[in-house]
PDB file of N, CA and C in Angstrom:
ATOM      1  N   MET A   1       8.658  73.958 -54.998  1.00  0.00           N
ATOM      2  CA  MET A   1       8.431  74.827 -53.864  1.00  0.00           C
ATOM      3  C   MET A   1       9.721  75.397 -53.323  1.00  0.00           C
ATOM      4  N   ALA A   2      10.749  74.549 -53.184  1.00  0.00           N
ATOM      5  CA  ALA A   2      12.020  75.009 -52.651  1.00  0.00           C
ATOM      6  C   ALA A   2      12.668  76.025 -53.581  1.00  0.00           C
ATOM      7  N   ASP A   3      12.490  75.822 -54.900  1.00  0.00           N
ATOM      8  CA  ASP A   3      13.079  76.757 -55.852  1.00  0.00           C
ATOM      9  C   ASP A   3      12.417  78.130 -55.759  1.00  0.00           C
ATOM     10  N   ALA A   4      11.118  78.165 -55.525  1.00  0.00           N
ATOM     11  CA  ALA A   4      10.409  79.443 -55.450  1.00  0.00           C
ATOM     12  C   ALA A   4      10.838  80.218 -54.208  1.00  0.00           C
ATOM     13  N   SER A   5      11.006  79.512 -53.075  1.00  0.00           N
ATOM     14  CA  SER A   5      11.401  80.218 -51.862  1.00  0.00           C
ATOM     15  C   SER A   5      12.855  80.664 -51.934  1.00  0.00           C
ATOM     16  N   ALA A   6      13.704  79.882 -52.593  1.00  0.00           N
ATOM     17  CA  ALA A   6      15.106  80.264 -52.724  1.00  0.00           C
ATOM     18  C   ALA A   6      15.248  81.478 -53.627  1.00  0.00           C
ATOM     19  N   SER A   7      14.488  81.504 -54.724  1.00  0.00           N
ATOM     20  CA  SER A   7      14.592  82.659 -55.614  1.00  0.00           C
ATOM     21  C   SER A   7      13.964  83.886 -54.969  1.00  0.00           C
ATOM     22  N   GLY A   8      12.951  83.690 -54.128  1.00  0.00           N
ATOM     23  CA  GLY A   8      12.337  84.806 -53.422  1.00  0.00           C
ATOM     24  C   GLY A   8      13.308  85.421 -52.433  1.00  0.00           C
ATOM     25  N   ALA A   9      14.089  84.576 -51.744  1.00  0.00           N
ATOM     26  CA  ALA A   9      15.062  85.077 -50.782  1.00  0.00           C
ATOM     27  C   ALA A   9      16.175  85.827 -51.497  1.00  0.00           C
ATOM     28  N   ALA A  10      16.612  85.297 -52.635  1.00  0.00           N
ATOM     29  CA  ALA A  10      17.678  85.961 -53.384  1.00  0.00           C
ATOM     30  C   ALA A  10      17.172  87.282 -53.950  1.00  0.00           C
ATOM     31  N   GLY A  11      15.917  87.312 -54.366  1.00  0.00           N
ATOM     32  CA  GLY A  11      15.352  88.536 -54.914  1.00  0.00           C
ATOM     33  C   GLY A  11      15.203  89.611 -53.855  1.00  0.00           C
ATOM     34  N   SER A  12      14.859  89.201 -52.620  1.00  0.00           N
ATOM     35  CA  SER A  12      14.696  90.194 -51.561  1.00  0.00           C
ATOM     36  C   SER A  12      16.043  90.778 -51.150  1.00  0.00           C
ATOM     37  N   GLU A  13      17.112  89.980 -51.237  1.00  0.00           N
ATOM     38  CA  GLU A  13      18.446  90.497 -50.911  1.00  0.00           C
ATOM     39  C   GLU A  13      18.876  91.547 -51.922  1.00  0.00           C
ATOM     40  N   ALA A  14      18.504  91.351 -53.181  1.00  0.00           N
ATOM     41  CA  ALA A  14      18.880  92.296 -54.225  1.00  0.00           C
ATOM     42  C   ALA A  14      18.117  93.613 -54.059  1.00  0.00           C
ATOM     43  N   ARG A  15      16.915  93.559 -53.474  1.00  0.00           N
ATOM     44  CA  ARG A  15      16.101  94.756 -53.318  1.00  0.00           C
ATOM     45  C   ARG A  15      16.434  95.534 -52.051  1.00  0.00           C
ATOM     46  N   LYS A  16      17.205  94.981 -51.139  1.00  0.00           N
ATOM     47  CA  LYS A  16      17.511  95.669 -49.885  1.00  0.00           C
ATOM     48  C   LYS A  16      18.439  96.857 -50.135  1.00  0.00           C
ATOM     49  N   ALA A  17      18.252  97.869 -49.335  1.00  0.00           N
ATOM     50  CA  ALA A  17      19.102  99.052 -49.430  1.00  0.00           C
ATOM     51  C   ALA A  17      20.453  98.744 -48.798  1.00  0.00           C
ATOM     52  N   PRO A  18      21.492  99.398 -49.236  1.00  0.00           N
ATOM     53  CA  PRO A  18      22.801  99.154 -48.623  1.00  0.00           C
ATOM     54  C   PRO A  18      22.803  99.603 -47.156  1.00  0.00           C
ATOM     55  N   VAL A  19      23.472  98.839 -46.338  1.00  0.00           N
ATOM     56  CA  VAL A  19      23.520  99.112 -44.909  1.00  0.00           C
ATOM     57  C   VAL A  19      24.792  99.905 -44.606  1.00  0.00           C
ATOM     58  N   ALA A  20      24.666 100.856 -43.696  1.00  0.00           N
ATOM     59  CA  ALA A  20      25.829 101.654 -43.311  1.00  0.00           C
ATOM     60  C   ALA A  20      26.853 100.761 -42.635  1.00  0.00           C
ATOM     61  N   GLN A  21      28.095 100.945 -43.000  1.00  0.00           N
ATOM     62  CA  GLN A  21      29.165 100.137 -42.415  1.00  0.00           C
ATOM     63  C   GLN A  21      29.871 100.954 -41.342  1.00  0.00           C
ATOM     64  N   ARG A  22      30.315 100.230 -40.313  1.00  0.00           N
ATOM     65  CA  ARG A  22      31.077 100.896 -39.261  1.00  0.00           C
ATOM     66  C   ARG A  22      32.473 101.228 -39.781  1.00  0.00           C
ATOM     67  N   ILE A  23      32.927 102.396 -39.418  1.00  0.00           N
ATOM     68  CA  ILE A  23      34.280 102.781 -39.802  1.00  0.00           C
ATOM     69  C   ILE A  23      35.014 103.241 -38.554  1.00  0.00           C
ATOM     70  N   ASP A  24      36.291 103.134 -38.583  1.00  0.00           N
ATOM     71  CA  ASP A  24      37.129 103.587 -37.479  1.00  0.00           C
ATOM     72  C   ASP A  24      37.762 104.911 -37.893  1.00  0.00           C
ATOM     73  N   PRO A  25      37.357 106.023 -37.263  1.00  0.00           N
ATOM     74  CA  PRO A  25      37.889 107.328 -37.666  1.00  0.00           C
ATOM     75  C   PRO A  25      39.399 107.436 -37.459  1.00  0.00           C
ATOM     76  N   ALA A  26      39.939 106.631 -36.576  1.00  0.00           N
ATOM     77  CA  ALA A  26      41.380 106.694 -36.341  1.00  0.00           C
ATOM     78  C   ALA A  26      42.147 106.103 -37.518  1.00  0.00           C
ATOM     79  N   ARG A  27      41.595 105.058 -38.143  1.00  0.00           N
ATOM     80  CA  ARG A  27      42.290 104.404 -39.261  1.00  0.00           C
ATOM     81  C   ARG A  27      42.069 105.116 -40.581  1.00  0.00           C
ATOM     82  N   GLU A  28      40.828 105.485 -40.802  1.00  0.00           N
ATOM     83  CA  GLU A  28      40.506 106.105 -42.084  1.00  0.00           C
ATOM     84  C   GLU A  28      40.643 107.614 -41.968  1.00  0.00           C
ATOM     85  N   LYS A  29      41.180 108.203 -42.954  1.00  0.00           N
ATOM     86  CA  LYS A  29      41.353 109.662 -42.977  1.00  0.00           C
ATOM     87  C   LYS A  29      40.046 110.299 -43.411  1.00  0.00           C
ATOM     88  N   LEU A  30      39.390 110.942 -42.453  1.00  0.00           N
ATOM     89  CA  LEU A  30      38.131 111.607 -42.750  1.00  0.00           C
ATOM     90  C   LEU A  30      38.329 113.119 -42.697  1.00  0.00           C
ATOM     91  N   SER A  31      37.546 113.784 -43.476  1.00  0.00           N
ATOM     92  CA  SER A  31      37.641 115.245 -43.493  1.00  0.00           C
ATOM     93  C   SER A  31      36.971 115.802 -42.230  1.00  0.00           C
ATOM     94  N   PRO A  32      37.335 117.018 -41.851  1.00  0.00           N
ATOM     95  CA  PRO A  32      36.684 117.624 -40.681  1.00  0.00           C
ATOM     96  C   PRO A  32      35.166 117.719 -40.836  1.00  0.00           C
ATOM     97  N   ALA A  33      34.685 117.919 -42.055  1.00  0.00           N
ATOM     98  CA  ALA A  33      33.239 117.988 -42.293  1.00  0.00           C
ATOM     99  C   ALA A  33      32.583 116.633 -42.017  1.00  0.00           C
ATOM    100  N   GLN A  34      33.257 115.551 -42.437  1.00  0.00           N
ATOM    101  CA  GLN A  34      32.721 114.214 -42.182  1.00  0.00           C
ATOM    102  C   GLN A  34      32.707 113.912 -40.682  1.00  0.00           C
ATOM    103  N   LEU A  35      33.765 114.275 -39.993  1.00  0.00           N
ATOM    104  CA  LEU A  35      33.815 114.059 -38.544  1.00  0.00           C
ATOM    105  C   LEU A  35      32.726 114.862 -37.830  1.00  0.00           C
ATOM    106  N   HIS A  36      32.523 116.098 -38.281  1.00  0.00           N
ATOM    107  CA  HIS A  36      31.475 116.936 -37.692  1.00  0.00           C
ATOM    108  C   HIS A  36      30.096 116.321 -37.926  1.00  0.00           C
ATOM    109  N   PHE A  37      29.860 115.818 -39.136  1.00  0.00           N
ATOM    110  CA  PHE A  37      28.586 115.182 -39.447  1.00  0.00           C
ATOM    111  C   PHE A  37      28.390 113.931 -38.595  1.00  0.00           C
ATOM    112  N   MET A  38      29.448 113.154 -38.398  1.00  0.00           N
ATOM    113  CA  MET A  38      29.357 111.952 -37.560  1.00  0.00           C
ATOM    114  C   MET A  38      28.978 112.328 -36.124  1.00  0.00           C
ATOM    115  N   ARG A  39      29.594 113.374 -35.608  1.00  0.00           N
ATOM    116  CA  ARG A  39      29.271 113.822 -34.252  1.00  0.00           C
ATOM    117  C   ARG A  39      27.818 114.292 -34.147  1.00  0.00           C
ATOM    118  N   GLN A  40      27.347 114.989 -35.176  1.00  0.00           N
ATOM    119  CA  GLN A  40      25.963 115.452 -35.173  1.00  0.00           C
ATOM    120  C   GLN A  40      24.989 114.275 -35.170  1.00  0.00           C
ATOM    121  N   VAL A  41      25.272 113.266 -35.983  1.00  0.00           N
ATOM    122  CA  VAL A  41      24.398 112.096 -36.061  1.00  0.00           C
ATOM    123  C   VAL A  41      24.414 111.345 -34.732  1.00  0.00           C
ATOM    124  N   GLU A  42      25.604 111.174 -34.130  1.00  0.00           N
ATOM    125  CA  GLU A  42      25.695 110.492 -32.844  1.00  0.00           C
ATOM    126  C   GLU A  42      24.925 111.252 -31.764  1.00  0.00           C
ATOM    127  N   LEU A  43      25.042 112.562 -31.762  1.00  0.00           N
ATOM    128  CA  LEU A  43      24.334 113.383 -30.784  1.00  0.00           C
ATOM    129  C   LEU A  43      22.820 113.281 -30.979  1.00  0.00           C
ATOM    130  N   THR A  44      22.375 113.288 -32.220  1.00  0.00           N
ATOM    131  CA  THR A  44      20.949 113.158 -32.513  1.00  0.00           C
ATOM    132  C   THR A  44      20.422 111.810 -32.048  1.00  0.00           C
ATOM    133  N   GLN A  45      21.166 110.735 -32.320  1.00  0.00           N
ATOM    134  CA  GLN A  45      20.743 109.407 -31.880  1.00  0.00           C
ATOM    135  C   GLN A  45      20.729 109.318 -30.362  1.00  0.00           C
ATOM    136  N   TRP A  46      21.717 109.919 -29.726  1.00  0.00           N
ATOM    137  CA  TRP A  46      21.783 109.895 -28.260  1.00  0.00           C
ATOM    138  C   TRP A  46      20.596 110.652 -27.661  1.00  0.00           C
ATOM    139  N   GLN A  47      20.267 111.816 -28.237  1.00  0.00           N
ATOM    140  CA  GLN A  47      19.140 112.602 -27.738  1.00  0.00           C
ATOM    141  C   GLN A  47      17.810 111.901 -27.979  1.00  0.00           C
ATOM    142  N   LYS A  48      17.733 111.113 -29.040  1.00  0.00           N
ATOM    143  CA  LYS A  48      16.504 110.399 -29.350  1.00  0.00           C
ATOM    144  C   LYS A  48      16.229 109.308 -28.307  1.00  0.00           C
ATOM    145  N   THR A  49      17.264 108.654 -27.819  1.00  0.00           N
ATOM    146  CA  THR A  49      17.088 107.572 -26.851  1.00  0.00           C
ATOM    147  C   THR A  49      17.163 108.055 -25.409  1.00  0.00           C
ATOM    148  N   LEU A  50      17.448 109.342 -25.192  1.00  0.00           N
ATOM    149  CA  LEU A  50      17.616 109.866 -23.835  1.00  0.00           C
ATOM    150  C   LEU A  50      16.372 109.703 -22.954  1.00  0.00           C
ATOM    151  N   PRO A  51      15.160 110.045 -23.394  1.00  0.00           N
ATOM    152  CA  PRO A  51      13.996 109.889 -22.501  1.00  0.00           C
ATOM    153  C   PRO A  51      13.754 108.441 -22.085  1.00  0.00           C
ATOM    154  N   GLN A  52      13.934 107.520 -23.014  1.00  0.00           N
ATOM    155  CA  GLN A  52      13.746 106.104 -22.695  1.00  0.00           C
ATOM    156  C   GLN A  52      14.801 105.652 -21.678  1.00  0.00           C
ATOM    157  N   ARG A  53      16.033 106.062 -21.893  1.00  0.00           N
ATOM    158  CA  ARG A  53      17.112 105.699 -20.967  1.00  0.00           C
ATOM    159  C   ARG A  53      16.877 106.328 -19.600  1.00  0.00           C
ATOM    160  N   ARG A  54      16.429 107.564 -19.589  1.00  0.00           N
ATOM    161  CA  ARG A  54      16.190 108.267 -18.325  1.00  0.00           C
ATOM    162  C   ARG A  54      15.107 107.562 -17.525  1.00  0.00           C
ATOM    163  N   SER A  55      14.017 107.176 -18.187  1.00  0.00           N
ATOM    164  CA  SER A  55      12.930 106.503 -17.462  1.00  0.00           C
ATOM    165  C   SER A  55      13.387 105.131 -16.967  1.00  0.00           C
ATOM    166  N   ARG A  56      14.176 104.435 -17.745  1.00  0.00           N
ATOM    167  CA  ARG A  56      14.703 103.141 -17.282  1.00  0.00           C
ATOM    168  C   ARG A  56      15.649 103.329 -16.100  1.00  0.00           C
ATOM    169  N   ASN A  57      16.471 104.355 -16.142  1.00  0.00           N
ATOM    170  CA  ASN A  57      17.388 104.618 -15.032  1.00  0.00           C
ATOM    171  C   ASN A  57      16.626 104.975 -13.764  1.00  0.00           C
ATOM    172  N   ILE A  58      15.571 105.770 -13.896  1.00  0.00           N
ATOM    173  CA  ILE A  58      14.762 106.129 -12.729  1.00  0.00           C
ATOM    174  C   ILE A  58      14.089 104.889 -12.163  1.00  0.00           C
ATOM    175  N   LEU A  59      13.521 104.064 -13.027  1.00  0.00           N
ATOM    176  CA  LEU A  59      12.869 102.834 -12.581  1.00  0.00           C
ATOM    177  C   LEU A  59      13.860 101.903 -11.891  1.00  0.00           C
ATOM    178  N   THR A  60      15.043 101.765 -12.451  1.00  0.00           N
ATOM    179  CA  THR A  60      16.069 100.917 -11.837  1.00  0.00           C
ATOM    180  C   THR A  60      16.493 101.475 -10.491  1.00  0.00           C
ATOM    181  N   GLY A  61      16.693 102.779 -10.402  1.00  0.00           N
ATOM    182  CA  GLY A  61      17.089 103.398  -9.136  1.00  0.00           C
ATOM    183  C   GLY A  61      16.030 103.233  -8.062  1.00  0.00           C
ATOM    184  N   LEU A  62      14.761 103.417  -8.439  1.00  0.00           N
ATOM    185  CA  LEU A  62      13.686 103.240  -7.473  1.00  0.00           C
ATOM    186  C   LEU A  62      13.574 101.789  -7.024  1.00  0.00           C
ATOM    187  N   SER A  63      13.773 100.863  -7.947  1.00  0.00           N
ATOM    188  CA  SER A  63      13.717  99.435  -7.598  1.00  0.00           C
ATOM    189  C   SER A  63      14.833  99.068  -6.628  1.00  0.00           C
ATOM    190  N   ILE A  64      16.027  99.521  -6.903  1.00  0.00           N
ATOM    191  CA  ILE A  64      17.157  99.225  -6.016  1.00  0.00           C
ATOM    192  C   ILE A  64      16.938  99.883  -4.657  1.00  0.00           C
ATOM    193  N   GLY A  65      16.459 101.124  -4.647  1.00  0.00           N
ATOM    194  CA  GLY A  65      16.185 101.812  -3.386  1.00  0.00           C
ATOM    195  C   GLY A  65      15.122 101.095  -2.567  1.00  0.00           C
ATOM    196  N   ALA A  66      14.052 100.616  -3.241  1.00  0.00           N
ATOM    197  CA  ALA A  66      12.998  99.889  -2.532  1.00  0.00           C
ATOM    198  C   ALA A  66      13.531  98.587  -1.955  1.00  0.00           C
ATOM    199  N   LEU A  67      14.387  97.914  -2.702  1.00  0.00           N
ATOM    200  CA  LEU A  67      14.986  96.671  -2.215  1.00  0.00           C
ATOM    201  C   LEU A  67      15.863  96.930  -0.995  1.00  0.00           C
ATOM    202  N   VAL A  68      16.657  97.976  -1.041  1.00  0.00           N
ATOM    203  CA  VAL A  68      17.530  98.322   0.093  1.00  0.00           C
ATOM    204  C   VAL A  68      16.694  98.659   1.317  1.00  0.00           C
ATOM    205  N   LEU A  69      15.652  99.466   1.141  1.00  0.00           N
ATOM    206  CA  LEU A  69      14.791  99.816   2.269  1.00  0.00           C
ATOM    207  C   LEU A  69      14.062  98.593   2.825  1.00  0.00           C
ATOM    208  N   ALA A  70      13.663  97.674   1.960  1.00  0.00           N
ATOM    209  CA  ALA A  70      12.992  96.457   2.423  1.00  0.00           C
ATOM    210  C   ALA A  70      13.948  95.598   3.248  1.00  0.00           C
ATOM    211  N   ILE A  71      15.170  95.452   2.791  1.00  0.00           N
ATOM    212  CA  ILE A  71      16.156  94.663   3.541  1.00  0.00           C
ATOM    213  C   ILE A  71      16.461  95.346   4.869  1.00  0.00           C
ATOM    214  N   TYR A  72      16.616  96.646   4.840  1.00  0.00           N
ATOM    215  CA  TYR A  72      16.905  97.417   6.046  1.00  0.00           C
ATOM    216  C   TYR A  72      15.764  97.283   7.061  1.00  0.00           C
ATOM    217  N   GLY A  73      14.523  97.428   6.589  1.00  0.00           N
ATOM    218  CA  GLY A  73      13.362  97.294   7.458  1.00  0.00           C
ATOM    219  C   GLY A  73      13.214  95.891   8.007  1.00  0.00           C
ATOM    220  N   TYR A  74      13.426  94.886   7.164  1.00  0.00           N
ATOM    221  CA  TYR A  74      13.326  93.507   7.621  1.00  0.00           C
ATOM    222  C   TYR A  74      14.389  93.205   8.677  1.00  0.00           C
ATOM    223  N   THR A  75      15.578  93.757   8.494  1.00  0.00           N
ATOM    224  CA  THR A  75      16.649  93.537   9.471  1.00  0.00           C
ATOM    225  C   THR A  75      16.251  94.114  10.828  1.00  0.00           C
ATOM    226  N   PHE A  76      15.730  95.331  10.853  1.00  0.00           N
ATOM    227  CA  PHE A  76      15.290  95.917  12.116  1.00  0.00           C
ATOM    228  C   PHE A  76      14.151  95.115  12.730  1.00  0.00           C
ATOM    229  N   TYR A  77      13.218  94.666  11.908  1.00  0.00           N
ATOM    230  CA  TYR A  77      12.086  93.885  12.401  1.00  0.00           C
ATOM    231  C   TYR A  77      12.570  92.570  13.009  1.00  0.00           C
ATOM    232  N   SER A  78      13.455  91.873  12.316  1.00  0.00           N
ATOM    233  CA  SER A  78      13.901  90.573  12.808  1.00  0.00           C
ATOM    234  C   SER A  78      14.765  90.717  14.052  1.00  0.00           C
ATOM    235  N   VAL A  79      15.565  91.762  14.142  1.00  0.00           N
ATOM    236  CA  VAL A  79      16.390  91.967  15.329  1.00  0.00           C
ATOM    237  C   VAL A  79      15.502  92.315  16.524  1.00  0.00           C
ATOM    238  N   SER A  80      14.446  93.088  16.298  1.00  0.00           N
ATOM    239  CA  SER A  80      13.567  93.442  17.412  1.00  0.00           C
ATOM    240  C   SER A  80      12.788  92.224  17.906  1.00  0.00           C
ATOM    241  N   GLN A  81      12.607  91.206  17.088  1.00  0.00           N
ATOM    242  CA  GLN A  81      11.880  90.002  17.482  1.00  0.00           C
ATOM    243  C   GLN A  81      12.754  89.012  18.235  1.00  0.00           C
ATOM    244  N   GLU A  82      14.043  89.152  18.134  1.00  0.00           N
ATOM    245  CA  GLU A  82      14.938  88.187  18.765  1.00  0.00           C
ATOM    246  C   GLU A  82      14.985  88.423  20.266  1.00  0.00           C
ATOM    247  N   ARG A  83      14.807  87.369  21.000  1.00  0.00           N
ATOM    248  CA  ARG A  83      14.838  87.428  22.455  1.00  0.00           C
ATOM    249  C   ARG A  83      15.832  86.407  23.005  1.00  0.00           C
ATOM    250  N   PHE A  84      16.784  85.993  22.201  1.00  0.00           N
ATOM    251  CA  PHE A  84      17.689  84.937  22.639  1.00  0.00           C
ATOM    252  C   PHE A  84      18.575  85.387  23.797  1.00  0.00           C
ATOM    253  N   LEU A  85      18.919  86.675  23.863  1.00  0.00           N
ATOM    254  CA  LEU A  85      19.720  87.139  24.988  1.00  0.00           C
ATOM    255  C   LEU A  85      18.914  87.100  26.282  1.00  0.00           C
ATOM    256  N   ASP A  86      17.616  87.419  26.180  1.00  0.00           N
ATOM    257  CA  ASP A  86      16.752  87.323  27.359  1.00  0.00           C
ATOM    258  C   ASP A  86      16.660  85.884  27.837  1.00  0.00           C
ATOM    259  N   ASP A  87      16.547  84.946  26.903  1.00  0.00           N
ATOM    260  CA  ASP A  87      16.484  83.531  27.269  1.00  0.00           C
ATOM    261  C   ASP A  87      17.777  83.087  27.928  1.00  0.00           C
ATOM    262  N   LEU A  88      18.900  83.545  27.405  1.00  0.00           N
ATOM    263  CA  LEU A  88      20.190  83.176  28.006  1.00  0.00           C
ATOM    264  C   LEU A  88      20.320  83.746  29.413  1.00  0.00           C
ATOM    265  N   GLU A  89      19.867  84.970  29.585  1.00  0.00           N
ATOM    266  CA  GLU A  89      19.935  85.578  30.919  1.00  0.00           C
ATOM    267  C   GLU A  89      19.023  84.836  31.902  1.00  0.00           C
ATOM    268  N   ASP A  90      17.827  84.429  31.438  1.00  0.00           N
ATOM    269  CA  ASP A  90      16.923  83.672  32.297  1.00  0.00           C
ATOM    270  C   ASP A  90      17.535  82.329  32.686  1.00  0.00           C
ATOM    271  N   LYS A  91      18.171  81.656  31.729  1.00  0.00           N
ATOM    272  CA  LYS A  91      18.807  80.363  32.022  1.00  0.00           C
ATOM    273  C   LYS A  91      19.977  80.558  32.972  1.00  0.00           C
ATOM    274  N   ALA A  92      20.752  81.622  32.773  1.00  0.00           N
ATOM    275  CA  ALA A  92      21.883  81.885  33.660  1.00  0.00           C
ATOM    276  C   ALA A  92      21.396  82.208  35.065  1.00  0.00           C
ATOM    277  N   LYS A  93      20.336  82.980  35.181  1.00  0.00           N
ATOM    278  CA  LYS A  93      19.770  83.323  36.487  1.00  0.00           C
ATOM    279  C   LYS A  93      19.242  82.063  37.182  1.00  0.00           C
ATOM    280  N   ALA A  94      18.563  81.205  36.426  1.00  0.00           N
ATOM    281  CA  ALA A  94      18.046  79.953  36.993  1.00  0.00           C
ATOM    282  C   ALA A  94      19.199  79.056  37.432  1.00  0.00           C
ATOM    283  N   ALA A  95      20.271  79.026  36.657  1.00  0.00           N
ATOM    284  CA  ALA A  95      21.428  78.205  37.030  1.00  0.00           C
ATOM    285  C   ALA A  95      22.076  78.760  38.289  1.00  0.00           C
ATOM    286  N   ARG A  96      22.156  80.087  38.427  1.00  0.00           N
ATOM    287  CA  ARG A  96      22.733  80.681  39.638  1.00  0.00           C
ATOM    288  C   ARG A  96      21.876  80.383  40.879  1.00  0.00           C
ATOM    289  N   VAL A  97      20.550  80.498  40.686  1.00  0.00           N
ATOM    290  CA  VAL A  97      19.637  80.200  41.801  1.00  0.00           C
ATOM    291  C   VAL A  97      19.760  78.731  42.199  1.00  0.00           C
ATOM    292  N   LYS A  98      19.831  77.854  41.202  1.00  0.00           N
ATOM    293  CA  LYS A  98      19.955  76.417  41.464  1.00  0.00           C
ATOM    294  C   LYS A  98      21.267  76.130  42.161  1.00  0.00           C
ATOM    295  N   ALA A  99      22.356  76.776  41.662  1.00  0.00           N
ATOM    296  CA  ALA A  99      23.671  76.562  42.268  1.00  0.00           C
ATOM    297  C   ALA A  99      23.702  77.112  43.690  1.00  0.00           C
ATOM    298  N   ALA A 100      23.085  78.250  43.938  1.00  0.00           N
ATOM    299  CA  ALA A 100      23.043  78.842  45.265  1.00  0.00           C
ATOM    300  C   ALA A 100      22.178  77.996  46.201  1.00  0.00           C
ATOM    301  N   GLY A 101      21.116  77.413  45.683  1.00  0.00           N
ATOM    302  CA  GLY A 101      20.225  76.582  46.471  1.00  0.00           C
ATOM    303  C   GLY A 101      20.863  75.270  46.870  1.00  0.00           C
ATOM    304  N   THR A 102      21.663  74.673  46.031  1.00  0.00           N
ATOM    305  CA  THR A 102      22.292  73.391  46.336  1.00  0.00           C
ATOM    306  C   THR A 102      23.523  73.574  47.207  1.00  0.00           C
ATOM    307  N   SER A 103      24.181  74.684  47.140  1.00  0.00           N
ATOM    308  CA  SER A 103      25.407  74.877  47.926  1.00  0.00           C
ATOM    309  C   SER A 103      25.144  75.428  49.297  1.00  0.00           C
ATOM    310  N   SER A 104      23.979  76.025  49.591  1.00  0.00           N
ATOM    311  CA  SER A 104      23.706  76.609  50.891  1.00  0.00           C
ATOM    312  C   SER A 104      23.442  75.569  51.978  1.00  0.00           C
ATOM    313  N   PRO A 105      22.862  74.358  51.784  1.00  0.00           N
ATOM    314  CA  PRO A 105      22.658  73.477  52.948  1.00  0.00           C
ATOM    315  C   PRO A 105      23.886  72.806  53.393  1.00  0.00           C
TER     316      PRO A 105
END
């Protein structure tokens, strides 16, 4: 069994098409026609993925915007609910009344 799977894997490697290798245009001397063809292929690949990238960018922007608006709204809501300054003023007023009441007799 192991021999059959090993020979099958080796056979599939022999049948695979050669894969394009990355080259560095700065190191290798390429003709202007080759450079032009490379630019055309890169542009075609970029244009092919553009709609998918655009929709992802829009979705990401809307998500970030919704998060910012939610935080902003929650901040306003929580600040409007806080009454701690009113409580402090009430305690200070009560302390003044108490102090005035004890010092007057």
